[in-house]
Amino acid sequence: MRASDPTPGRRFPLVVLVLAFTVLAVSLVSAARPWAAPASVGAADEGATGGEPALPPLALPAAARVLIFGDSWVYGSAAEVPTLGFAYVLSDTMGWDATVDGIRGSGYLKAGIDGPDYGTRIAALDPSLDPDLIIVEGSINDRRLYPDGYREAVGSAWDNLAATFPEASVVILGPAPHVLPVGAATTAIDADLATLAAARGWWYVSPLTEGWIRPSNYFDVIDTGPGNDHPSTAGHAYLAERLAASLAALSELPEVSAEAPLGG
């Protein structure tokens, strides 16, 4: 299922202004996030503390081919129509040639409502997609099965992803809370994914530590109607804006010289 192919760059100047304000707002609230789970260690933090090396900027061509892979949030659940989900909105905004692959209820350990678990799905991906960028989202769906076998399932799925698309850049988008306060298992999943992504040299974006969803905006983002607890149409648009801001920040990271020691 592919998103529409908008004219590259359409609406981008407005998006840049919105993203600038968003990044500023994130920086102002980052020091105190009472809504958030305990901070996980992201790729950039690993590099700063002498763990995994810091990552170079994310670079994409115009009209990039992008695979957005995940669960019901990628599917577009609770949006007025699924194609108003954040993956589609983001793809349209950025002018990407996007393949959106979202299966409701799916996770690394858990099979979905209308498809299998992440590992099985990744193993079945068509190599001819040849994406420039892969965004793997989630998943909160593993929270009731975690931690038994979780890291192994993630490692196996990511091994297949890297083998199938060795030239693609990969951004892992951690789980976002569907309820508050954030559950302990969701917090632990976020930390595990951040550590595993850093070990592979993949970018990691954490909606938990960035405070995307908090008490002050929860009901603006999440549709709490019967059977939902998913982003509303407005919530999906907001998530697209936040992810676009995070990707922009990754693209602006300074280059790390191989000749200079980290932290020197």
C-alpha atoms as a PDB file:
ATOM      1  CA  MET A   1       0.000   0.000   0.000  1.00  0.00           C
ATOM      2  CA  ARG A   2       1.726   3.175  -1.167  1.00  0.00           C
ATOM      3  CA  ALA A   3       1.175   6.737  -0.133  1.00  0.00           C
ATOM      4  CA  SER A   4       0.396   9.316  -2.775  1.00  0.00           C
ATOM      5  CA  ASP A   5       3.302  10.905  -4.648  1.00  0.00           C
ATOM      6  CA  PRO A   6       3.010  14.657  -4.020  1.00  0.00           C
ATOM      7  CA  THR A   7       5.194  17.219  -5.709  1.00  0.00           C
ATOM      8  CA  PRO A   8       8.567  17.131  -3.869  1.00  0.00           C
ATOM      9  CA  GLY A   9       8.968  20.043  -1.514  1.00  0.00           C
ATOM     10  CA  ARG A  10       5.297  21.043  -1.534  1.00  0.00           C
ATOM     11  CA  ARG A  11       4.420  23.022   1.614  1.00  0.00           C
ATOM     12  CA  PHE A  12       7.977  22.576   2.848  1.00  0.00           C
ATOM     13  CA  PRO A  13       8.695  26.234   3.747  1.00  0.00           C
ATOM     14  CA  LEU A  14       5.690  26.260   6.085  1.00  0.00           C
ATOM     15  CA  VAL A  15       6.711  22.915   7.537  1.00  0.00           C
ATOM     16  CA  VAL A  16      10.209  24.227   8.239  1.00  0.00           C
ATOM     17  CA  LEU A  17       8.765  27.140  10.256  1.00  0.00           C
ATOM     18  CA  VAL A  18       6.449  24.816  12.193  1.00  0.00           C
ATOM     19  CA  LEU A  19       9.274  22.406  12.881  1.00  0.00           C
ATOM     20  CA  ALA A  20      11.541  25.182  14.128  1.00  0.00           C
ATOM     21  CA  PHE A  21       8.967  26.193  16.731  1.00  0.00           C
ATOM     22  CA  THR A  22       8.415  22.532  17.627  1.00  0.00           C
ATOM     23  CA  VAL A  23      12.112  21.872  18.184  1.00  0.00           C
ATOM     24  CA  LEU A  24      12.326  25.019  20.354  1.00  0.00           C
ATOM     25  CA  ALA A  25       9.352  23.876  22.403  1.00  0.00           C
ATOM     26  CA  VAL A  26      10.890  20.446  22.914  1.00  0.00           C
ATOM     27  CA  SER A  27      14.119  22.000  24.165  1.00  0.00           C
ATOM     28  CA  LEU A  28      12.254  24.188  26.658  1.00  0.00           C
ATOM     29  CA  VAL A  29      10.356  21.297  28.237  1.00  0.00           C
ATOM     30  CA  SER A  30      13.067  18.652  28.061  1.00  0.00           C
ATOM     31  CA  ALA A  31      14.466  19.482  31.484  1.00  0.00           C
ATOM     32  CA  ALA A  32      11.251  18.564  33.325  1.00  0.00           C
ATOM     33  CA  ARG A  33       8.895  15.940  31.927  1.00  0.00           C
ATOM     34  CA  PRO A  34       6.605  14.682  34.716  1.00  0.00           C
ATOM     35  CA  TRP A  35       4.517  12.815  32.138  1.00  0.00           C
ATOM     36  CA  ALA A  36       7.427  10.830  30.729  1.00  0.00           C
ATOM     37  CA  ALA A  37       8.934   7.485  31.546  1.00  0.00           C
ATOM     38  CA  PRO A  38      12.472   7.392  32.971  1.00  0.00           C
ATOM     39  CA  ALA A  39      14.906   8.475  30.272  1.00  0.00           C
ATOM     40  CA  SER A  40      16.277   5.819  27.942  1.00  0.00           C
ATOM     41  CA  VAL A  41      19.698   6.047  26.386  1.00  0.00           C
ATOM     42  CA  GLY A  42      19.532   7.100  22.752  1.00  0.00           C
ATOM     43  CA  ALA A  43      22.182   6.796  20.063  1.00  0.00           C
ATOM     44  CA  ALA A  44      23.422  10.356  20.508  1.00  0.00           C
ATOM     45  CA  ASP A  45      23.740   9.881  24.281  1.00  0.00           C
ATOM     46  CA  GLU A  46      25.677   6.664  23.798  1.00  0.00           C
ATOM     47  CA  GLY A  47      28.229   8.487  21.695  1.00  0.00           C
ATOM     48  CA  ALA A  48      28.498  11.337  24.174  1.00  0.00           C
ATOM     49  CA  THR A  49      29.205   8.991  27.068  1.00  0.00           C
ATOM     50  CA  GLY A  50      31.828   6.906  25.321  1.00  0.00           C
ATOM     51  CA  GLY A  51      29.564   3.985  24.297  1.00  0.00           C
ATOM     52  CA  GLU A  52      28.512   3.665  20.680  1.00  0.00           C
ATOM     53  CA  PRO A  53      29.961   6.311  18.318  1.00  0.00           C
ATOM     54  CA  ALA A  54      27.878   9.357  17.451  1.00  0.00           C
ATOM     55  CA  LEU A  55      26.020   9.156  14.158  1.00  0.00           C
ATOM     56  CA  PRO A  56      26.530  11.301  11.059  1.00  0.00           C
ATOM     57  CA  PRO A  57      23.632  13.420   9.777  1.00  0.00           C
ATOM     58  CA  LEU A  58      20.753  11.638   8.101  1.00  0.00           C
ATOM     59  CA  ALA A  59      20.911  12.432   4.384  1.00  0.00           C
ATOM     60  CA  LEU A  60      18.148  11.636   1.889  1.00  0.00           C
ATOM     61  CA  PRO A  61      17.707  12.390  -1.804  1.00  0.00           C
ATOM     62  CA  ALA A  62      14.791  14.434  -3.117  1.00  0.00           C
ATOM     63  CA  ALA A  63      11.620  12.340  -3.514  1.00  0.00           C
ATOM     64  CA  ALA A  64      13.246   9.629  -1.410  1.00  0.00           C
ATOM     65  CA  ARG A  65      11.904   6.083  -1.434  1.00  0.00           C
ATOM     66  CA  VAL A  66      10.809   5.394   2.139  1.00  0.00           C
ATOM     67  CA  LEU A  67       9.409   2.314   3.870  1.00  0.00           C
ATOM     68  CA  ILE A  68       7.377   3.133   7.000  1.00  0.00           C
ATOM     69  CA  PHE A  69       6.821  -0.092   8.915  1.00  0.00           C
ATOM     70  CA  GLY A  70       4.945  -0.692  12.133  1.00  0.00           C
ATOM     71  CA  ASP A  71       1.688  -1.419  13.899  1.00  0.00           C
ATOM     72  CA  SER A  72      -1.771   0.179  14.103  1.00  0.00           C
ATOM     73  CA  TRP A  73      -0.293   3.648  14.510  1.00  0.00           C
ATOM     74  CA  VAL A  74       1.387   3.283  11.111  1.00  0.00           C
ATOM     75  CA  TYR A  75      -1.791   1.697   9.741  1.00  0.00           C
ATOM     76  CA  GLY A  76      -3.689   4.857  10.674  1.00  0.00           C
ATOM     77  CA  SER A  77      -6.090   3.424  13.239  1.00  0.00           C
ATOM     78  CA  ALA A  78      -8.639   5.898  14.676  1.00  0.00           C
ATOM     79  CA  ALA A  79      -7.966   8.454  11.949  1.00  0.00           C
ATOM     80  CA  GLU A  80     -11.080   9.385   9.994  1.00  0.00           C
ATOM     81  CA  VAL A  81      -9.659   7.206   7.221  1.00  0.00           C
ATOM     82  CA  PRO A  82      -6.364   5.258   7.501  1.00  0.00           C
ATOM     83  CA  THR A  83      -4.713   7.406   4.849  1.00  0.00           C
ATOM     84  CA  LEU A  84      -4.955  10.334   7.284  1.00  0.00           C
ATOM     85  CA  GLY A  85      -2.607   8.413   9.571  1.00  0.00           C
ATOM     86  CA  PHE A  86       0.720   9.976  10.487  1.00  0.00           C
ATOM     87  CA  ALA A  87       2.745   7.837   8.074  1.00  0.00           C
ATOM     88  CA  TYR A  88       0.735   9.080   5.103  1.00  0.00           C
ATOM     89  CA  VAL A  89       0.642  12.678   6.312  1.00  0.00           C
ATOM     90  CA  LEU A  90       4.402  12.692   6.851  1.00  0.00           C
ATOM     91  CA  SER A  91       5.057  11.116   3.449  1.00  0.00           C
ATOM     92  CA  ASP A  92       2.851  13.664   1.713  1.00  0.00           C
ATOM     93  CA  THR A  93       4.484  16.555   3.549  1.00  0.00           C
ATOM     94  CA  MET A  94       8.012  15.401   2.786  1.00  0.00           C
ATOM     95  CA  GLY A  95       7.347  14.514  -0.853  1.00  0.00           C
ATOM     96  CA  TRP A  96       8.421  10.899  -0.369  1.00  0.00           C
ATOM     97  CA  ASP A  97       7.679   7.907  -2.567  1.00  0.00           C
ATOM     98  CA  ALA A  98       6.472   5.947   0.446  1.00  0.00           C
ATOM     99  CA  THR A  99       5.409   2.395   1.146  1.00  0.00           C
ATOM    100  CA  VAL A 100       3.302   2.272   4.312  1.00  0.00           C
ATOM    101  CA  ASP A 101       3.236  -1.159   5.989  1.00  0.00           C
ATOM    102  CA  GLY A 102       1.183  -1.092   9.181  1.00  0.00           C
ATOM    103  CA  ILE A 103      -0.468  -4.136  10.743  1.00  0.00           C
ATOM    104  CA  ARG A 104      -2.849  -3.618  13.652  1.00  0.00           C
ATOM    105  CA  GLY A 105      -1.812  -5.406  16.834  1.00  0.00           C
ATOM    106  CA  SER A 106       1.557  -6.520  15.481  1.00  0.00           C
ATOM    107  CA  GLY A 107       4.827  -6.402  17.436  1.00  0.00           C
ATOM    108  CA  TYR A 108       8.194  -8.120  17.606  1.00  0.00           C
ATOM    109  CA  LEU A 109       6.726 -10.864  19.811  1.00  0.00           C
ATOM    110  CA  LYS A 110       3.035 -10.565  18.979  1.00  0.00           C
ATOM    111  CA  ALA A 111       1.145 -11.437  15.819  1.00  0.00           C
ATOM    112  CA  GLY A 112      -1.312  -8.818  14.618  1.00  0.00           C
ATOM    113  CA  ILE A 113      -5.009  -8.736  13.849  1.00  0.00           C
ATOM    114  CA  ASP A 114      -4.506  -8.942  10.102  1.00  0.00           C
ATOM    115  CA  GLY A 115      -0.891 -10.050   9.796  1.00  0.00           C
ATOM    116  CA  PRO A 116       1.991 -11.743  11.623  1.00  0.00           C
ATOM    117  CA  ASP A 117       4.705 -10.436  13.951  1.00  0.00           C
ATOM    118  CA  TYR A 118       7.401  -7.978  12.881  1.00  0.00           C
ATOM    119  CA  GLY A 119      10.067 -10.601  12.207  1.00  0.00           C
ATOM    120  CA  THR A 120       7.836 -12.655   9.923  1.00  0.00           C
ATOM    121  CA  ARG A 121       6.678  -9.542   8.102  1.00  0.00           C
ATOM    122  CA  ILE A 122      10.211  -8.216   7.628  1.00  0.00           C
ATOM    123  CA  ALA A 123      11.382 -11.575   6.271  1.00  0.00           C
ATOM    124  CA  ALA A 124       8.616 -11.345   3.636  1.00  0.00           C
ATOM    125  CA  LEU A 125       9.433  -7.803   2.453  1.00  0.00           C
ATOM    126  CA  ASP A 126      10.159  -7.375  -1.247  1.00  0.00           C
ATOM    127  CA  PRO A 127      13.845  -6.515  -1.822  1.00  0.00           C
ATOM    128  CA  SER A 128      12.859  -4.578  -4.948  1.00  0.00           C
ATOM    129  CA  LEU A 129      11.407  -1.843  -2.709  1.00  0.00           C
ATOM    130  CA  ASP A 130      15.018  -0.646  -2.367  1.00  0.00           C
ATOM    131  CA  PRO A 131      14.195   2.199   0.075  1.00  0.00           C
ATOM    132  CA  ASP A 132      16.544   5.068   0.823  1.00  0.00           C
ATOM    133  CA  LEU A 133      15.106   5.243   4.341  1.00  0.00           C
ATOM    134  CA  ILE A 134      13.302   2.751   6.573  1.00  0.00           C
ATOM    135  CA  ILE A 135      11.333   3.936   9.605  1.00  0.00           C
ATOM    136  CA  VAL A 136      10.395   1.097  11.982  1.00  0.00           C
ATOM    137  CA  GLU A 137       7.807   2.195  14.558  1.00  0.00           C
ATOM    138  CA  GLY A 138       6.776   0.674  17.880  1.00  0.00           C
ATOM    139  CA  SER A 139       5.565  -1.394  19.354  1.00  0.00           C
ATOM    140  CA  ILE A 140       3.512  -1.137  22.527  1.00  0.00           C
ATOM    141  CA  ASN A 141       1.852  -4.397  21.473  1.00  0.00           C
ATOM    142  CA  ASP A 142       4.744  -6.371  23.005  1.00  0.00           C
ATOM    143  CA  ARG A 143       4.258  -4.948  26.484  1.00  0.00           C
ATOM    144  CA  ARG A 144       2.312  -7.935  27.862  1.00  0.00           C
ATOM    145  CA  LEU A 145       4.809 -10.489  26.477  1.00  0.00           C
ATOM    146  CA  TYR A 146       7.957  -8.587  27.385  1.00  0.00           C
ATOM    147  CA  PRO A 147      10.745  -9.367  28.297  1.00  0.00           C
ATOM    148  CA  ASP A 148      11.001 -13.084  27.455  1.00  0.00           C
ATOM    149  CA  GLY A 149      12.715 -13.428  24.084  1.00  0.00           C
ATOM    150  CA  TYR A 150      12.271  -9.740  23.265  1.00  0.00           C
ATOM    151  CA  ARG A 151      15.839  -8.743  22.473  1.00  0.00           C
ATOM    152  CA  GLU A 152      16.335 -11.925  20.472  1.00  0.00           C
ATOM    153  CA  ALA A 153      13.195 -11.239  18.417  1.00  0.00           C
ATOM    154  CA  VAL A 154      14.290  -7.667  17.736  1.00  0.00           C
ATOM    155  CA  GLY A 155      17.794  -8.773  16.777  1.00  0.00           C
ATOM    156  CA  SER A 156      16.544 -11.423  14.369  1.00  0.00           C
ATOM    157  CA  ALA A 157      14.068  -9.035  12.723  1.00  0.00           C
ATOM    158  CA  TRP A 158      16.675  -6.311  12.346  1.00  0.00           C
ATOM    159  CA  ASP A 159      19.236  -8.773  10.959  1.00  0.00           C
ATOM    160  CA  ASN A 160      16.782  -9.618   8.184  1.00  0.00           C
ATOM    161  CA  LEU A 161      16.012  -5.947   7.591  1.00  0.00           C
ATOM    162  CA  ALA A 162      19.702  -5.075   7.230  1.00  0.00           C
ATOM    163  CA  ALA A 163      20.359  -8.059   4.967  1.00  0.00           C
ATOM    164  CA  THR A 164      17.391  -7.291   2.704  1.00  0.00           C
ATOM    165  CA  PHE A 165      18.089  -3.545   2.409  1.00  0.00           C
ATOM    166  CA  PRO A 166      21.822  -3.098   3.109  1.00  0.00           C
ATOM    167  CA  GLU A 167      21.985   0.377   1.539  1.00  0.00           C
ATOM    168  CA  ALA A 168      19.019   1.881   3.403  1.00  0.00           C
ATOM    169  CA  SER A 169      19.291   4.332   6.270  1.00  0.00           C
ATOM    170  CA  VAL A 170      17.270   3.126   9.270  1.00  0.00           C
ATOM    171  CA  VAL A 171      15.439   5.170  11.883  1.00  0.00           C
ATOM    172  CA  ILE A 172      13.830   3.299  14.770  1.00  0.00           C
ATOM    173  CA  LEU A 173      10.789   5.110  16.174  1.00  0.00           C
ATOM    174  CA  GLY A 174      10.156   3.907  19.703  1.00  0.00           C
ATOM    175  CA  PRO A 175       6.769   3.204  21.244  1.00  0.00           C
ATOM    176  CA  ALA A 176       4.457   6.115  22.013  1.00  0.00           C
ATOM    177  CA  PRO A 177       2.097   5.917  24.988  1.00  0.00           C
ATOM    178  CA  HIS A 178      -1.551   5.196  24.296  1.00  0.00           C
ATOM    179  CA  VAL A 179      -2.396   5.664  27.979  1.00  0.00           C
ATOM    180  CA  LEU A 180      -0.853   7.678  30.807  1.00  0.00           C
ATOM    181  CA  PRO A 181       1.031   7.177  33.003  1.00  0.00           C
ATOM    182  CA  VAL A 182       3.462   5.231  30.824  1.00  0.00           C
ATOM    183  CA  GLY A 183       3.662   1.562  31.771  1.00  0.00           C
ATOM    184  CA  ALA A 184       6.883   0.010  33.063  1.00  0.00           C
ATOM    185  CA  ALA A 185       7.072  -2.482  30.192  1.00  0.00           C
ATOM    186  CA  THR A 186       6.694   0.291  27.600  1.00  0.00           C
ATOM    187  CA  THR A 187       9.509   2.202  29.312  1.00  0.00           C
ATOM    188  CA  ALA A 188      11.734  -0.874  29.251  1.00  0.00           C
ATOM    189  CA  ILE A 189      10.939  -1.555  25.580  1.00  0.00           C
ATOM    190  CA  ASP A 190      11.922   2.014  24.722  1.00  0.00           C
ATOM    191  CA  ALA A 191      15.252   1.624  26.547  1.00  0.00           C
ATOM    192  CA  ASP A 192      15.984  -1.736  24.904  1.00  0.00           C
ATOM    193  CA  LEU A 193      15.239  -0.464  21.413  1.00  0.00           C
ATOM    194  CA  ALA A 194      17.388   2.632  21.957  1.00  0.00           C
ATOM    195  CA  THR A 195      20.344   0.525  23.086  1.00  0.00           C
ATOM    196  CA  LEU A 196      19.972  -2.018  20.285  1.00  0.00           C
ATOM    197  CA  ALA A 197      19.632   0.700  17.637  1.00  0.00           C
ATOM    198  CA  ALA A 198      22.748   2.477  18.921  1.00  0.00           C
ATOM    199  CA  ALA A 199      24.720  -0.766  18.738  1.00  0.00           C
ATOM    200  CA  ARG A 200      23.891  -1.017  15.020  1.00  0.00           C
ATOM    201  CA  GLY A 201      24.594   2.612  14.252  1.00  0.00           C
ATOM    202  CA  TRP A 202      20.909   3.297  13.556  1.00  0.00           C
ATOM    203  CA  TRP A 203      19.123   6.496  14.527  1.00  0.00           C
ATOM    204  CA  TYR A 204      16.609   6.311  17.351  1.00  0.00           C
ATOM    205  CA  VAL A 205      13.675   8.618  18.043  1.00  0.00           C
ATOM    206  CA  SER A 206      11.899   8.264  21.402  1.00  0.00           C
ATOM    207  CA  PRO A 207       8.422   9.792  21.736  1.00  0.00           C
ATOM    208  CA  LEU A 208       8.637   8.937  25.449  1.00  0.00           C
ATOM    209  CA  THR A 209      11.795  10.869  26.288  1.00  0.00           C
ATOM    210  CA  GLU A 210      10.838  13.698  23.927  1.00  0.00           C
ATOM    211  CA  GLY A 211       7.468  14.018  25.652  1.00  0.00           C
ATOM    212  CA  TRP A 212       5.304  13.859  22.554  1.00  0.00           C
ATOM    213  CA  ILE A 213       2.224  12.778  24.526  1.00  0.00           C
ATOM    214  CA  ARG A 214       1.686  14.154  28.016  1.00  0.00           C
ATOM    215  CA  PRO A 215      -1.229  15.138  30.280  1.00  0.00           C
ATOM    216  CA  SER A 216      -1.550  18.623  28.789  1.00  0.00           C
ATOM    217  CA  ASN A 217      -2.141  17.340  25.240  1.00  0.00           C
ATOM    218  CA  TYR A 218      -3.256  13.726  25.775  1.00  0.00           C
ATOM    219  CA  PHE A 219      -6.913  14.242  24.873  1.00  0.00           C
ATOM    220  CA  ASP A 220      -5.939  16.364  21.870  1.00  0.00           C
ATOM    221  CA  VAL A 221      -3.814  13.503  20.505  1.00  0.00           C
ATOM    222  CA  ILE A 222      -5.511  10.293  21.616  1.00  0.00           C
ATOM    223  CA  ASP A 223      -9.044   9.197  20.729  1.00  0.00           C
ATOM    224  CA  THR A 224     -10.226   7.481  23.912  1.00  0.00           C
ATOM    225  CA  GLY A 225     -13.506   6.266  22.441  1.00  0.00           C
ATOM    226  CA  PRO A 226     -14.543   2.608  22.854  1.00  0.00           C
ATOM    227  CA  GLY A 227     -11.920   0.275  21.420  1.00  0.00           C
ATOM    228  CA  ASN A 228      -9.593   3.094  20.415  1.00  0.00           C
ATOM    229  CA  ASP A 229      -6.836   4.612  22.578  1.00  0.00           C
ATOM    230  CA  HIS A 230      -5.185   5.493  19.285  1.00  0.00           C
ATOM    231  CA  PRO A 231      -4.324   8.869  17.771  1.00  0.00           C
ATOM    232  CA  SER A 232      -7.259  10.816  16.381  1.00  0.00           C
ATOM    233  CA  THR A 233      -7.056  12.420  12.947  1.00  0.00           C
ATOM    234  CA  ALA A 234      -5.657  15.549  14.606  1.00  0.00           C
ATOM    235  CA  GLY A 235      -3.378  13.361  16.715  1.00  0.00           C
ATOM    236  CA  HIS A 236      -1.936  11.668  13.645  1.00  0.00           C
ATOM    237  CA  ALA A 237      -1.249  15.072  12.080  1.00  0.00           C
ATOM    238  CA  TYR A 238       0.533  16.102  15.276  1.00  0.00           C
ATOM    239  CA  LEU A 239       2.630  12.919  15.310  1.00  0.00           C
ATOM    240  CA  ALA A 240       3.629  13.524  11.688  1.00  0.00           C
ATOM    241  CA  GLU A 241       4.773  17.027  12.657  1.00  0.00           C
ATOM    242  CA  ARG A 242       6.764  15.748  15.638  1.00  0.00           C
ATOM    243  CA  LEU A 243       8.455  12.999  13.638  1.00  0.00           C
ATOM    244  CA  ALA A 244       9.286  15.457  10.858  1.00  0.00           C
ATOM    245  CA  ALA A 245      10.909  17.702  13.489  1.00  0.00           C
ATOM    246  CA  SER A 246      12.931  14.790  14.858  1.00  0.00           C
ATOM    247  CA  LEU A 247      14.103  13.789  11.382  1.00  0.00           C
ATOM    248  CA  ALA A 248      15.068  17.385  10.682  1.00  0.00           C
ATOM    249  CA  ALA A 249      17.134  17.416  13.876  1.00  0.00           C
ATOM    250  CA  LEU A 250      18.874  14.186  12.847  1.00  0.00           C
ATOM    251  CA  SER A 251      19.661  15.742   9.484  1.00  0.00           C
ATOM    252  CA  GLU A 252      21.316  18.721  11.194  1.00  0.00           C
ATOM    253  CA  LEU A 253      23.613  16.694  13.430  1.00  0.00           C
ATOM    254  CA  PRO A 254      27.258  17.663  12.920  1.00  0.00           C
ATOM    255  CA  GLU A 255      29.516  15.359  10.954  1.00  0.00           C
ATOM    256  CA  VAL A 256      31.836  13.239  13.107  1.00  0.00           C
ATOM    257  CA  SER A 257      35.372  13.157  11.773  1.00  0.00           C
ATOM    258  CA  ALA A 258      36.952   9.707  11.757  1.00  0.00           C
ATOM    259  CA  GLU A 259      40.309  11.409  12.372  1.00  0.00           C
ATOM    260  CA  ALA A 260      39.279  13.154  15.589  1.00  0.00           C
ATOM    261  CA  PRO A 261      38.533  11.336  18.870  1.00  0.00           C
ATOM    262  CA  LEU A 262      34.970  11.605  20.108  1.00  0.00           C
ATOM    263  CA  GLY A 263      34.627  14.258  22.766  1.00  0.00           C
ATOM    264  CA  GLY A 264      37.982  15.783  21.831  1.00  0.00           C
END
